[in-house]
């Protein structure tokens, strides 16, 4: 599969570009498959988004590498969900951009900090 020049390069799309026609991996919607490269891409993007969310949020946050990655990935999923539910953005296969993903991760981080305070 060759990507269109204007197509957004999300981890799901990167997986289909690097491994064309590969049928093993994580099943997604409408028969799409996330390969090993897609999982690694998602982890890297999640780590970057989570680290930027921590950078922009004031306060001390002593969580580690995997928690930062999980916050970034959850933030991107939350941004896509809110974008679809509230604004009607991100249709079939659409992914939130960097800014919306970081804002979603900041919201997840705020919830995470409130949960840690109460526990």
Protein backbone atom coordinates (compact mmCIF):
# COMPACT_ATOMS: atom_id res chain seq x y z
CA UNK A 1 0.00 0.00 0.00
CA UNK A 2 1.40 3.37 -0.96
CA UNK A 3 0.39 6.39 1.09
CA UNK A 4 -1.10 9.46 -0.56
CA UNK A 5 1.10 12.54 -0.22
CA UNK A 6 -1.51 14.36 1.87
CA UNK A 7 -2.27 11.39 4.13
CA UNK A 8 -1.41 11.78 7.80
CA UNK A 9 1.27 9.35 8.98
CA UNK A 10 -0.18 7.73 12.07
CA UNK A 11 1.34 4.61 13.61
CA UNK A 12 -1.43 2.53 12.02
CA UNK A 13 -0.64 3.92 8.59
CA UNK A 14 3.10 3.50 9.12
CA UNK A 15 2.51 -0.18 9.84
CA UNK A 16 0.71 -0.66 6.54
CA UNK A 17 3.41 1.22 4.64
CA UNK A 18 6.37 -0.72 6.04
CA UNK A 19 4.74 -4.14 5.82
CA UNK A 20 2.39 -4.19 2.82
CA UNK A 21 -0.08 -7.04 2.75
CA UNK A 22 1.04 -8.45 6.09
CA UNK A 23 -1.83 -10.23 7.76
CA UNK A 24 -0.37 -11.06 11.17
CA UNK A 25 -0.59 -8.65 14.04
CA UNK A 26 -3.16 -6.79 16.08
CA UNK A 27 -6.61 -6.61 14.47
CA UNK A 28 -8.06 -3.13 14.13
CA UNK A 29 -11.32 -1.87 12.66
CA UNK A 30 -12.43 -2.78 9.12
CA UNK A 31 -9.86 -5.52 8.62
CA UNK A 32 -6.81 -3.33 9.26
CA UNK A 33 -3.85 -4.98 10.92
CA UNK A 34 -1.28 -3.39 13.20
CA UNK A 35 2.06 -5.09 12.78
CA UNK A 36 5.11 -5.03 15.00
CA UNK A 37 6.19 -1.72 13.43
CA UNK A 38 2.81 -0.20 14.22
CA UNK A 39 3.04 -1.24 17.86
CA UNK A 40 6.56 0.19 18.15
CA UNK A 41 5.41 3.38 16.40
CA UNK A 42 2.49 3.73 18.79
CA UNK A 43 4.81 3.26 21.77
CA UNK A 44 7.26 5.91 20.51
CA UNK A 45 4.52 8.43 19.74
CA UNK A 46 2.93 7.70 23.14
CA UNK A 47 6.25 8.29 24.88
CA UNK A 48 6.80 11.62 23.11
CA UNK A 49 3.23 12.80 23.74
CA UNK A 50 3.35 11.70 27.40
CA UNK A 51 6.70 13.41 27.97
CA UNK A 52 5.46 16.66 26.41
CA UNK A 53 2.29 16.52 28.53
CA UNK A 54 4.44 16.12 31.66
CA UNK A 55 6.63 19.00 30.52
CA UNK A 56 3.65 21.33 30.04
CA UNK A 57 1.87 20.35 33.27
CA UNK A 58 3.21 22.06 36.38
CA UNK A 59 4.10 19.96 39.38
CA UNK A 60 6.28 17.02 40.25
CA UNK A 61 5.38 13.70 38.67
CA UNK A 62 7.69 10.83 39.69
CA UNK A 63 6.25 8.20 37.35
CA UNK A 64 8.44 6.12 35.09
CA UNK A 65 8.98 5.32 31.45
CA UNK A 66 6.02 2.98 30.92
CA UNK A 67 3.55 5.19 32.78
CA UNK A 68 4.62 8.15 30.63
CA UNK A 69 4.09 6.04 27.51
CA UNK A 70 0.69 4.83 28.71
CA UNK A 71 -0.40 8.41 29.49
CA UNK A 72 0.57 9.49 25.97
CA UNK A 73 -1.24 6.61 24.29
CA UNK A 74 -4.33 7.07 26.47
CA UNK A 75 -4.26 10.80 25.74
CA UNK A 76 -4.30 10.20 21.99
CA UNK A 77 -7.21 7.76 22.34
CA UNK A 78 -9.08 10.23 24.56
CA UNK A 79 -8.45 13.07 22.09
CA UNK A 80 -9.83 10.95 19.25
CA UNK A 81 -12.87 9.94 21.29
CA UNK A 82 -13.67 13.53 22.31
CA UNK A 83 -13.05 14.77 18.78
CA UNK A 84 -15.48 12.21 17.34
CA UNK A 85 -18.15 12.50 20.03
CA UNK A 86 -18.23 16.26 20.53
CA UNK A 87 -16.99 17.84 17.30
CA UNK A 88 -17.51 15.13 14.68
CA UNK A 89 -13.81 15.09 13.75
CA UNK A 90 -11.64 12.08 12.91
CA UNK A 91 -13.79 9.96 10.66
CA UNK A 92 -12.89 6.46 9.53
CA UNK A 93 -9.22 5.85 10.27
CA UNK A 94 -8.63 9.47 11.28
CA UNK A 95 -6.18 10.16 14.04
CA UNK A 96 -5.78 13.21 16.26
CA UNK A 97 -2.82 15.47 15.62
CA UNK A 98 0.04 16.17 17.96
CA UNK A 99 -1.61 19.13 19.70
CA UNK A 100 -4.88 17.31 20.41
CA UNK A 101 -2.95 14.23 21.56
CA UNK A 102 -0.88 16.33 23.97
CA UNK A 103 -4.02 18.05 25.30
CA UNK A 104 -5.66 14.65 25.77
CA UNK A 105 -2.56 13.37 27.57
CA UNK A 106 -2.60 16.44 29.82
CA UNK A 107 -6.20 15.62 30.75
CA UNK A 108 -5.25 11.98 31.43
CA UNK A 109 -2.28 13.17 33.52
CA UNK A 110 -4.56 15.45 35.55
CA UNK A 111 -6.91 12.53 36.23
CA UNK A 112 -3.91 10.29 37.04
CA UNK A 113 -2.58 12.82 39.58
CA UNK A 114 -5.98 13.16 41.24
CA UNK A 115 -6.23 9.38 41.48
CA UNK A 116 -2.75 9.13 43.03
CA UNK A 117 -3.60 11.80 45.62
CA UNK A 118 -6.70 9.95 46.77
CA UNK A 119 -5.01 6.55 46.90
